[in-house]
Amino acid sequence: MEEFKIVFTKVAEKGINTLDTKTKYKIFQCAKGLEASPFPRGDTIKKFKGSKISLYRLRVGDFRVVYHIDRRKIAILFITDRKDLEKKLKAFL
């Protein structure tokens, strides 16, 4: 089975650089897991409804990683605190 490739956007890189080392490590580990399976079982992945493109969110503790899948590439669009997700999603779309 062919693996996916993770790509961080500039917005995602900026967001992850504001986090502490432990949280960064957890997010990178979870993102790395998406390369093997972008749709793992469980409640950590959720597809957003009502957007023009297919957007997914990955739950990592109190943070949410929003990504889009395009062929064999997973684009990490942004990383935000769970409290700011709705506001950031509206600004993004």
PDB file of N, CA and C in Angstrom:
ATOM      1  N   MET A   1       0.840  -1.187   0.000  1.00  0.00           N
ATOM      2  CA  MET A   1       0.000   0.000   0.000  1.00  0.00           C
ATOM      3  C   MET A   1       0.879   1.242   0.000  1.00  0.00           C
ATOM      4  N   GLU A   2       0.545   2.182  -0.844  1.00  0.00           N
ATOM      5  CA  GLU A   2       1.314   3.412  -0.978  1.00  0.00           C
ATOM      6  C   GLU A   2       0.985   4.362   0.168  1.00  0.00           C
ATOM      7  N   GLU A   3       2.012   4.964   0.733  1.00  0.00           N
ATOM      8  CA  GLU A   3       1.809   5.885   1.839  1.00  0.00           C
ATOM      9  C   GLU A   3       1.511   7.289   1.344  1.00  0.00           C
ATOM     10  N   PHE A   4       0.941   8.074   2.223  1.00  0.00           N
ATOM     11  CA  PHE A   4       0.660   9.470   1.949  1.00  0.00           C
ATOM     12  C   PHE A   4       1.861  10.300   2.386  1.00  0.00           C
ATOM     13  N   LYS A   5       1.924  11.533   1.888  1.00  0.00           N
ATOM     14  CA  LYS A   5       2.992  12.450   2.267  1.00  0.00           C
ATOM     15  C   LYS A   5       2.367  13.630   3.008  1.00  0.00           C
ATOM     16  N   ILE A   6       2.946  13.984   4.154  1.00  0.00           N
ATOM     17  CA  ILE A   6       2.472  15.107   4.961  1.00  0.00           C
ATOM     18  C   ILE A   6       3.181  16.383   4.516  1.00  0.00           C
ATOM     19  N   VAL A   7       2.390  17.447   4.322  1.00  0.00           N
ATOM     20  CA  VAL A   7       2.933  18.761   3.964  1.00  0.00           C
ATOM     21  C   VAL A   7       2.301  19.791   4.897  1.00  0.00           C
ATOM     22  N   PHE A   8       3.136  20.590   5.564  1.00  0.00           N
ATOM     23  CA  PHE A   8       2.649  21.651   6.449  1.00  0.00           C
ATOM     24  C   PHE A   8       2.597  22.965   5.673  1.00  0.00           C
ATOM     25  N   THR A   9       1.473  23.669   5.744  1.00  0.00           N
ATOM     26  CA  THR A   9       1.390  24.995   5.137  1.00  0.00           C
ATOM     27  C   THR A   9       2.137  25.985   6.027  1.00  0.00           C
ATOM     28  N   LYS A  10       2.368  27.176   5.516  1.00  0.00           N
ATOM     29  CA  LYS A  10       3.062  28.199   6.305  1.00  0.00           C
ATOM     30  C   LYS A  10       2.273  28.569   7.555  1.00  0.00           C
ATOM     31  N   VAL A  11       0.957  28.593   7.429  1.00  0.00           N
ATOM     32  CA  VAL A  11       0.094  28.894   8.580  1.00  0.00           C
ATOM     33  C   VAL A  11       0.244  27.806   9.645  1.00  0.00           C
ATOM     34  N   ALA A  12       0.283  26.547   9.217  1.00  0.00           N
ATOM     35  CA  ALA A  12       0.441  25.436  10.154  1.00  0.00           C
ATOM     36  C   ALA A  12       1.814  25.481  10.819  1.00  0.00           C
ATOM     37  N   GLU A  13       2.854  25.789  10.049  1.00  0.00           N
ATOM     38  CA  GLU A  13       4.201  25.896  10.614  1.00  0.00           C
ATOM     39  C   GLU A  13       4.264  27.007  11.655  1.00  0.00           C
ATOM     40  N   LYS A  14       3.632  28.126  11.350  1.00  0.00           N
ATOM     41  CA  LYS A  14       3.615  29.246  12.293  1.00  0.00           C
ATOM     42  C   LYS A  14       2.879  28.851  13.575  1.00  0.00           C
ATOM     43  N   GLY A  15       1.759  28.142  13.421  1.00  0.00           N
ATOM     44  CA  GLY A  15       0.981  27.704  14.581  1.00  0.00           C
ATOM     45  C   GLY A  15       1.722  26.701  15.439  1.00  0.00           C
ATOM     46  N   ILE A  16       2.423  25.782  14.810  1.00  0.00           N
ATOM     47  CA  ILE A  16       3.120  24.746  15.584  1.00  0.00           C
ATOM     48  C   ILE A  16       4.354  25.316  16.286  1.00  0.00           C
ATOM     49  N   ASN A  17       4.942  26.351  15.724  1.00  0.00           N
ATOM     50  CA  ASN A  17       6.123  26.948  16.344  1.00  0.00           C
ATOM     51  C   ASN A  17       5.804  27.723  17.614  1.00  0.00           C
ATOM     52  N   THR A  18       4.528  28.017  17.850  1.00  0.00           N
ATOM     53  CA  THR A  18       4.138  28.715  19.075  1.00  0.00           C
ATOM     54  C   THR A  18       3.894  27.747  20.237  1.00  0.00           C
ATOM     55  N   LEU A  19       3.918  26.458  19.968  1.00  0.00           N
ATOM     56  CA  LEU A  19       3.604  25.454  20.985  1.00  0.00           C
ATOM     57  C   LEU A  19       4.849  24.991  21.740  1.00  0.00           C
ATOM     58  N   ASP A  20       4.609  24.410  22.907  1.00  0.00           N
ATOM     59  CA  ASP A  20       5.724  23.861  23.678  1.00  0.00           C
ATOM     60  C   ASP A  20       6.231  22.573  23.028  1.00  0.00           C
ATOM     61  N   THR A  21       7.423  22.165  23.409  1.00  0.00           N
ATOM     62  CA  THR A  21       8.093  21.019  22.777  1.00  0.00           C
ATOM     63  C   THR A  21       7.287  19.727  22.902  1.00  0.00           C
ATOM     64  N   LYS A  22       6.712  19.481  24.058  1.00  0.00           N
ATOM     65  CA  LYS A  22       5.948  18.241  24.280  1.00  0.00           C
ATOM     66  C   LYS A  22       4.737  18.167  23.349  1.00  0.00           C
ATOM     67  N   THR A  23       4.023  19.283  23.201  1.00  0.00           N
ATOM     68  CA  THR A  23       2.844  19.324  22.333  1.00  0.00           C
ATOM     69  C   THR A  23       3.250  19.188  20.868  1.00  0.00           C
ATOM     70  N   LYS A  24       4.337  19.855  20.481  1.00  0.00           N
ATOM     71  CA  LYS A  24       4.846  19.724  19.106  1.00  0.00           C
ATOM     72  C   LYS A  24       5.132  18.266  18.785  1.00  0.00           C
ATOM     73  N   TYR A  25       5.788  17.583  19.711  1.00  0.00           N
ATOM     74  CA  TYR A  25       6.145  16.178  19.512  1.00  0.00           C
ATOM     75  C   TYR A  25       4.890  15.324  19.317  1.00  0.00           C
ATOM     76  N   LYS A  26       3.877  15.545  20.156  1.00  0.00           N
ATOM     77  CA  LYS A  26       2.633  14.778  20.040  1.00  0.00           C
ATOM     78  C   LYS A  26       1.960  15.023  18.693  1.00  0.00           C
ATOM     79  N   ILE A  27       1.940  16.278  18.246  1.00  0.00           N
ATOM     80  CA  ILE A  27       1.305  16.613  16.975  1.00  0.00           C
ATOM     81  C   ILE A  27       2.069  15.981  15.817  1.00  0.00           C
ATOM     82  N   PHE A  28       3.410  16.060  15.853  1.00  0.00           N
ATOM     83  CA  PHE A  28       4.206  15.443  14.789  1.00  0.00           C
ATOM     84  C   PHE A  28       4.007  13.929  14.755  1.00  0.00           C
ATOM     85  N   GLN A  29       3.916  13.290  15.909  1.00  0.00           N
ATOM     86  CA  GLN A  29       3.702  11.839  15.963  1.00  0.00           C
ATOM     87  C   GLN A  29       2.343  11.476  15.362  1.00  0.00           C
ATOM     88  N   CYS A  30       1.315  12.236  15.719  1.00  0.00           N
ATOM     89  CA  CYS A  30      -0.024  11.953  15.182  1.00  0.00           C
ATOM     90  C   CYS A  30      -0.082  12.227  13.684  1.00  0.00           C
ATOM     91  N   ALA A  31       0.576  13.296  13.237  1.00  0.00           N
ATOM     92  CA  ALA A  31       0.613  13.608  11.807  1.00  0.00           C
ATOM     93  C   ALA A  31       1.353  12.514  11.057  1.00  0.00           C
ATOM     94  N   LYS A  32       2.420  12.006  11.636  1.00  0.00           N
ATOM     95  CA  LYS A  32       3.179  10.922  11.018  1.00  0.00           C
ATOM     96  C   LYS A  32       2.295   9.675  10.868  1.00  0.00           C
ATOM     97  N   GLY A  33       1.436   9.437  11.837  1.00  0.00           N
ATOM     98  CA  GLY A  33       0.500   8.318  11.765  1.00  0.00           C
ATOM     99  C   GLY A  33      -0.491   8.459  10.618  1.00  0.00           C
ATOM    100  N   LEU A  34      -0.807   9.694  10.230  1.00  0.00           N
ATOM    101  CA  LEU A  34      -1.719   9.918   9.107  1.00  0.00           C
ATOM    102  C   LEU A  34      -1.109   9.458   7.791  1.00  0.00           C
ATOM    103  N   GLU A  35       0.223   9.461   7.705  1.00  0.00           N
ATOM    104  CA  GLU A  35       0.874   9.018   6.473  1.00  0.00           C
ATOM    105  C   GLU A  35       0.515   7.575   6.137  1.00  0.00           C
ATOM    106  N   ALA A  36       0.415   6.748   7.137  1.00  0.00           N
ATOM    107  CA  ALA A  36       0.073   5.343   6.923  1.00  0.00           C
ATOM    108  C   ALA A  36      -1.432   5.159   6.709  1.00  0.00           C
ATOM    109  N   SER A  37      -2.226   5.928   7.460  1.00  0.00           N
ATOM    110  CA  SER A  37      -3.679   5.806   7.357  1.00  0.00           C
ATOM    111  C   SER A  37      -4.331   7.144   7.691  1.00  0.00           C
ATOM    112  N   PRO A  38      -4.767   7.904   6.690  1.00  0.00           N
ATOM    113  CA  PRO A  38      -5.369   9.211   6.963  1.00  0.00           C
ATOM    114  C   PRO A  38      -6.775   9.129   7.564  1.00  0.00           C
ATOM    115  N   PHE A  39      -7.343   7.935   7.616  1.00  0.00           N
ATOM    116  CA  PHE A  39      -8.662   7.741   8.200  1.00  0.00           C
ATOM    117  C   PHE A  39      -8.633   6.654   9.270  1.00  0.00           C
ATOM    118  N   PRO A  40      -7.887   6.853  10.355  1.00  0.00           N
ATOM    119  CA  PRO A  40      -7.832   5.805  11.378  1.00  0.00           C
ATOM    120  C   PRO A  40      -9.178   5.652  12.076  1.00  0.00           C
ATOM    121  N   ARG A  41      -9.386   4.500  12.630  1.00  0.00           N
ATOM    122  CA  ARG A  41     -10.634   4.243  13.341  1.00  0.00           C
ATOM    123  C   ARG A  41     -10.619   4.981  14.678  1.00  0.00           C
ATOM    124  N   GLY A  42     -11.780   5.254  15.172  1.00  0.00           N
ATOM    125  CA  GLY A  42     -11.886   5.945  16.445  1.00  0.00           C
ATOM    126  C   GLY A  42     -12.455   7.340  16.273  1.00  0.00           C
ATOM    127  N   ASP A  43     -12.444   8.088  17.351  1.00  0.00           N
ATOM    128  CA  ASP A  43     -13.062   9.410  17.310  1.00  0.00           C
ATOM    129  C   ASP A  43     -12.042  10.543  17.237  1.00  0.00           C
ATOM    130  N   THR A  44     -10.800  10.248  16.884  1.00  0.00           N
ATOM    131  CA  THR A  44      -9.803  11.305  16.786  1.00  0.00           C
ATOM    132  C   THR A  44      -9.888  12.058  15.465  1.00  0.00           C
ATOM    133  N   ILE A  45     -10.504  11.456  14.450  1.00  0.00           N
ATOM    134  CA  ILE A  45     -10.655  12.088  13.143  1.00  0.00           C
ATOM    135  C   ILE A  45     -12.133  12.383  12.908  1.00  0.00           C
ATOM    136  N   LYS A  46     -12.401  13.578  12.388  1.00  0.00           N
ATOM    137  CA  LYS A  46     -13.776  13.952  12.077  1.00  0.00           C
ATOM    138  C   LYS A  46     -13.774  14.756  10.784  1.00  0.00           C
ATOM    139  N   LYS A  47     -14.714  14.481   9.914  1.00  0.00           N
ATOM    140  CA  LYS A  47     -14.849  15.228   8.659  1.00  0.00           C
ATOM    141  C   LYS A  47     -15.795  16.401   8.901  1.00  0.00           C
ATOM    142  N   PHE A  48     -15.380  17.592   8.428  1.00  0.00           N
ATOM    143  CA  PHE A  48     -16.230  18.769   8.557  1.00  0.00           C
ATOM    144  C   PHE A  48     -17.315  18.734   7.494  1.00  0.00           C
ATOM    145  N   LYS A  49     -18.500  19.101   7.878  1.00  0.00           N
ATOM    146  CA  LYS A  49     -19.630  19.145   6.954  1.00  0.00           C
ATOM    147  C   LYS A  49     -19.824  20.571   6.472  1.00  0.00           C
ATOM    148  N   GLY A  50     -20.281  20.715   5.244  1.00  0.00           N
ATOM    149  CA  GLY A  50     -20.634  22.022   4.728  1.00  0.00           C
ATOM    150  C   GLY A  50     -19.509  22.818   4.104  1.00  0.00           C
ATOM    151  N   SER A  51     -18.309  22.259   3.998  1.00  0.00           N
ATOM    152  CA  SER A  51     -17.225  23.005   3.358  1.00  0.00           C
ATOM    153  C   SER A  51     -17.131  22.590   1.888  1.00  0.00           C
ATOM    154  N   LYS A  52     -16.593  23.474   1.063  1.00  0.00           N
ATOM    155  CA  LYS A  52     -16.488  23.202  -0.365  1.00  0.00           C
ATOM    156  C   LYS A  52     -15.458  22.122  -0.661  1.00  0.00           C
ATOM    157  N   ILE A  53     -14.410  22.069   0.145  1.00  0.00           N
ATOM    158  CA  ILE A  53     -13.409  21.017  -0.006  1.00  0.00           C
ATOM    159  C   ILE A  53     -13.512  20.094   1.199  1.00  0.00           C
ATOM    160  N   SER A  54     -13.020  18.888   1.071  1.00  0.00           N
ATOM    161  CA  SER A  54     -13.066  17.928   2.173  1.00  0.00           C
ATOM    162  C   SER A  54     -12.023  18.294   3.218  1.00  0.00           C
ATOM    163  N   LEU A  55     -12.489  18.716   4.373  1.00  0.00           N
ATOM    164  CA  LEU A  55     -11.603  19.060   5.483  1.00  0.00           C
ATOM    165  C   LEU A  55     -11.817  18.080   6.618  1.00  0.00           C
ATOM    166  N   TYR A  56     -10.727  17.735   7.273  1.00  0.00           N
ATOM    167  CA  TYR A  56     -10.768  16.822   8.396  1.00  0.00           C
ATOM    168  C   TYR A  56     -10.056  17.458   9.564  1.00  0.00           C
ATOM    169  N   ARG A  57     -10.430  17.033  10.773  1.00  0.00           N
ATOM    170  CA  ARG A  57      -9.716  17.500  11.942  1.00  0.00           C
ATOM    171  C   ARG A  57      -9.212  16.293  12.725  1.00  0.00           C
ATOM    172  N   LEU A  58      -8.007  16.452  13.206  1.00  0.00           N
ATOM    173  CA  LEU A  58      -7.363  15.439  14.038  1.00  0.00           C
ATOM    174  C   LEU A  58      -7.281  16.005  15.436  1.00  0.00           C
ATOM    175  N   ARG A  59      -7.790  15.279  16.400  1.00  0.00           N
ATOM    176  CA  ARG A  59      -7.765  15.722  17.792  1.00  0.00           C
ATOM    177  C   ARG A  59      -6.478  15.241  18.450  1.00  0.00           C
ATOM    178  N   VAL A  60      -5.713  16.193  18.982  1.00  0.00           N
ATOM    179  CA  VAL A  60      -4.468  15.884  19.702  1.00  0.00           C
ATOM    180  C   VAL A  60      -4.533  16.651  21.019  1.00  0.00           C
ATOM    181  N   GLY A  61      -5.034  16.011  22.055  1.00  0.00           N
ATOM    182  CA  GLY A  61      -5.186  16.686  23.344  1.00  0.00           C
ATOM    183  C   GLY A  61      -6.157  17.845  23.210  1.00  0.00           C
ATOM    184  N   ASP A  62      -5.724  19.039  23.634  1.00  0.00           N
ATOM    185  CA  ASP A  62      -6.555  20.238  23.543  1.00  0.00           C
ATOM    186  C   ASP A  62      -6.396  20.958  22.216  1.00  0.00           C
ATOM    187  N   PHE A  63      -5.639  20.383  21.295  1.00  0.00           N
ATOM    188  CA  PHE A  63      -5.391  21.017  20.006  1.00  0.00           C
ATOM    189  C   PHE A  63      -6.062  20.251  18.881  1.00  0.00           C
ATOM    190  N   ARG A  64      -6.354  20.986  17.803  1.00  0.00           N
ATOM    191  CA  ARG A  64      -6.962  20.395  16.628  1.00  0.00           C
ATOM    192  C   ARG A  64      -6.085  20.690  15.416  1.00  0.00           C
ATOM    193  N   VAL A  65      -5.835  19.656  14.643  1.00  0.00           N
ATOM    194  CA  VAL A  65      -5.048  19.771  13.417  1.00  0.00           C
ATOM    195  C   VAL A  65      -6.027  19.622  12.259  1.00  0.00           C
ATOM    196  N   VAL A  66      -6.168  20.663  11.451  1.00  0.00           N
ATOM    197  CA  VAL A  66      -7.103  20.641  10.329  1.00  0.00           C
ATOM    198  C   VAL A  66      -6.315  20.342   9.066  1.00  0.00           C
ATOM    199  N   TYR A  67      -6.775  19.348   8.319  1.00  0.00           N
ATOM    200  CA  TYR A  67      -6.047  18.949   7.115  1.00  0.00           C
ATOM    201  C   TYR A  67      -6.980  18.621   5.965  1.00  0.00           C
ATOM    202  N   HIS A  68      -6.376  18.572   4.781  1.00  0.00           N
ATOM    203  CA  HIS A  68      -7.080  18.270   3.531  1.00  0.00           C
ATOM    204  C   HIS A  68      -6.275  17.200   2.801  1.00  0.00           C
ATOM    205  N   ILE A  69      -6.965  16.246   2.190  1.00  0.00           N
ATOM    206  CA  ILE A  69      -6.289  15.175   1.450  1.00  0.00           C
ATOM    207  C   ILE A  69      -6.482  15.414  -0.040  1.00  0.00           C
ATOM    208  N   ASP A  70      -5.378  15.435  -0.759  1.00  0.00           N
ATOM    209  CA  ASP A  70      -5.403  15.609  -2.209  1.00  0.00           C
ATOM    210  C   ASP A  70      -4.520  14.529  -2.823  1.00  0.00           C
ATOM    211  N   ARG A  71      -5.133  13.548  -3.402  1.00  0.00           N
ATOM    212  CA  ARG A  71      -4.459  12.368  -3.959  1.00  0.00           C
ATOM    213  C   ARG A  71      -3.629  11.686  -2.871  1.00  0.00           C
ATOM    214  N   ARG A  72      -2.316  11.699  -2.974  1.00  0.00           N
ATOM    215  CA  ARG A  72      -1.452  11.028  -1.993  1.00  0.00           C
ATOM    216  C   ARG A  72      -0.773  12.040  -1.064  1.00  0.00           C
ATOM    217  N   LYS A  73      -1.306  13.272  -1.002  1.00  0.00           N
ATOM    218  CA  LYS A  73      -0.717  14.320  -0.180  1.00  0.00           C
ATOM    219  C   LYS A  73      -1.718  14.771   0.875  1.00  0.00           C
ATOM    220  N   ILE A  74      -1.251  14.874   2.110  1.00  0.00           N
ATOM    221  CA  ILE A  74      -2.076  15.393   3.196  1.00  0.00           C
ATOM    222  C   ILE A  74      -1.523  16.766   3.557  1.00  0.00           C
ATOM    223  N   ALA A  75      -2.314  17.788   3.316  1.00  0.00           N
ATOM    224  CA  ALA A  75      -1.893  19.156   3.615  1.00  0.00           C
ATOM    225  C   ALA A  75      -2.435  19.560   4.980  1.00  0.00           C
ATOM    226  N   ILE A  76      -1.517  19.778   5.927  1.00  0.00           N
ATOM    227  CA  ILE A  76      -1.902  20.276   7.245  1.00  0.00           C
ATOM    228  C   ILE A  76      -2.138  21.777   7.073  1.00  0.00           C
ATOM    229  N   LEU A  77      -3.378  22.209   7.198  1.00  0.00           N
ATOM    230  CA  LEU A  77      -3.741  23.594   6.918  1.00  0.00           C
ATOM    231  C   LEU A  77      -3.467  24.524   8.091  1.00  0.00           C
ATOM    232  N   PHE A  78      -3.906  24.119   9.279  1.00  0.00           N
ATOM    233  CA  PHE A  78      -3.603  24.914  10.468  1.00  0.00           C
ATOM    234  C   PHE A  78      -3.773  24.070  11.720  1.00  0.00           C
ATOM    235  N   ILE A  79      -3.174  24.563  12.797  1.00  0.00           N
ATOM    236  CA  ILE A  79      -3.230  23.918  14.100  1.00  0.00           C
ATOM    237  C   ILE A  79      -3.738  24.963  15.073  1.00  0.00           C
ATOM    238  N   THR A  80      -4.745  24.606  15.861  1.00  0.00           N
ATOM    239  CA  THR A  80      -5.334  25.580  16.772  1.00  0.00           C
ATOM    240  C   THR A  80      -5.807  24.913  18.051  1.00  0.00           C
ATOM    241  N   ASP A  81      -5.987  25.720  19.067  1.00  0.00           N
ATOM    242  CA  ASP A  81      -6.570  25.252  20.314  1.00  0.00           C
ATOM    243  C   ASP A  81      -8.030  24.916  20.054  1.00  0.00           C
ATOM    244  N   ARG A  82      -8.550  23.947  20.751  1.00  0.00           N
ATOM    245  CA  ARG A  82      -9.926  23.508  20.513  1.00  0.00           C
ATOM    246  C   ARG A  82     -10.931  24.632  20.709  1.00  0.00           C
ATOM    247  N   LYS A  83     -10.625  25.578  21.608  1.00  0.00           N
ATOM    248  CA  LYS A  83     -11.539  26.687  21.877  1.00  0.00           C
ATOM    249  C   LYS A  83     -11.630  27.648  20.694  1.00  0.00           C
ATOM    250  N   ASP A  84     -10.567  27.730  19.898  1.00  0.00           N
ATOM    251  CA  ASP A  84     -10.522  28.677  18.786  1.00  0.00           C
ATOM    252  C   ASP A  84     -10.836  28.043  17.437  1.00  0.00           C
ATOM    253  N   LEU A  85     -11.199  26.775  17.418  1.00  0.00           N
ATOM    254  CA  LEU A  85     -11.396  26.051  16.166  1.00  0.00           C
ATOM    255  C   LEU A  85     -12.479  26.675  15.293  1.00  0.00           C
ATOM    256  N   GLU A  86     -13.642  26.935  15.850  1.00  0.00           N
ATOM    257  CA  GLU A  86     -14.749  27.460  15.052  1.00  0.00           C
ATOM    258  C   GLU A  86     -14.398  28.825  14.450  1.00  0.00           C
ATOM    259  N   LYS A  87     -13.811  29.697  15.247  1.00  0.00           N
ATOM    260  CA  LYS A  87     -13.431  31.021  14.771  1.00  0.00           C
ATOM    261  C   LYS A  87     -12.379  30.932  13.653  1.00  0.00           C
ATOM    262  N   LYS A  88     -11.398  30.076  13.827  1.00  0.00           N
ATOM    263  CA  LYS A  88     -10.333  29.934  12.848  1.00  0.00           C
ATOM    264  C   LYS A  88     -10.856  29.275  11.570  1.00  0.00           C
ATOM    265  N   LEU A  89     -11.781  28.341  11.714  1.00  0.00           N
ATOM    266  CA  LEU A  89     -12.356  27.673  10.554  1.00  0.00           C
ATOM    267  C   LEU A  89     -13.173  28.659   9.717  1.00  0.00           C
ATOM    268  N   LYS A  90     -13.939  29.521  10.367  1.00  0.00           N
ATOM    269  CA  LYS A  90     -14.706  30.535   9.636  1.00  0.00           C
ATOM    270  C   LYS A  90     -13.780  31.488   8.900  1.00  0.00           C
ATOM    271  N   ALA A  91     -12.686  31.863   9.527  1.00  0.00           N
ATOM    272  CA  ALA A  91     -11.714  32.767   8.884  1.00  0.00           C
ATOM    273  C   ALA A  91     -11.025  32.078   7.710  1.00  0.00           C
ATOM    274  N   PHE A  92     -10.816  30.779   7.820  1.00  0.00           N
ATOM    275  CA  PHE A  92     -10.134  30.027   6.780  1.00  0.00           C
ATOM    276  C   PHE A  92     -11.012  29.846   5.557  1.00  0.00           C
ATOM    277  N   LEU A  93     -12.282  29.563   5.795  1.00  0.00           N
ATOM    278  CA  LEU A  93     -13.196  29.309   4.679  1.00  0.00           C
ATOM    279  C   LEU A  93     -13.739  30.621   4.186  1.00  0.00           C
TER     280      LEU A  93
END
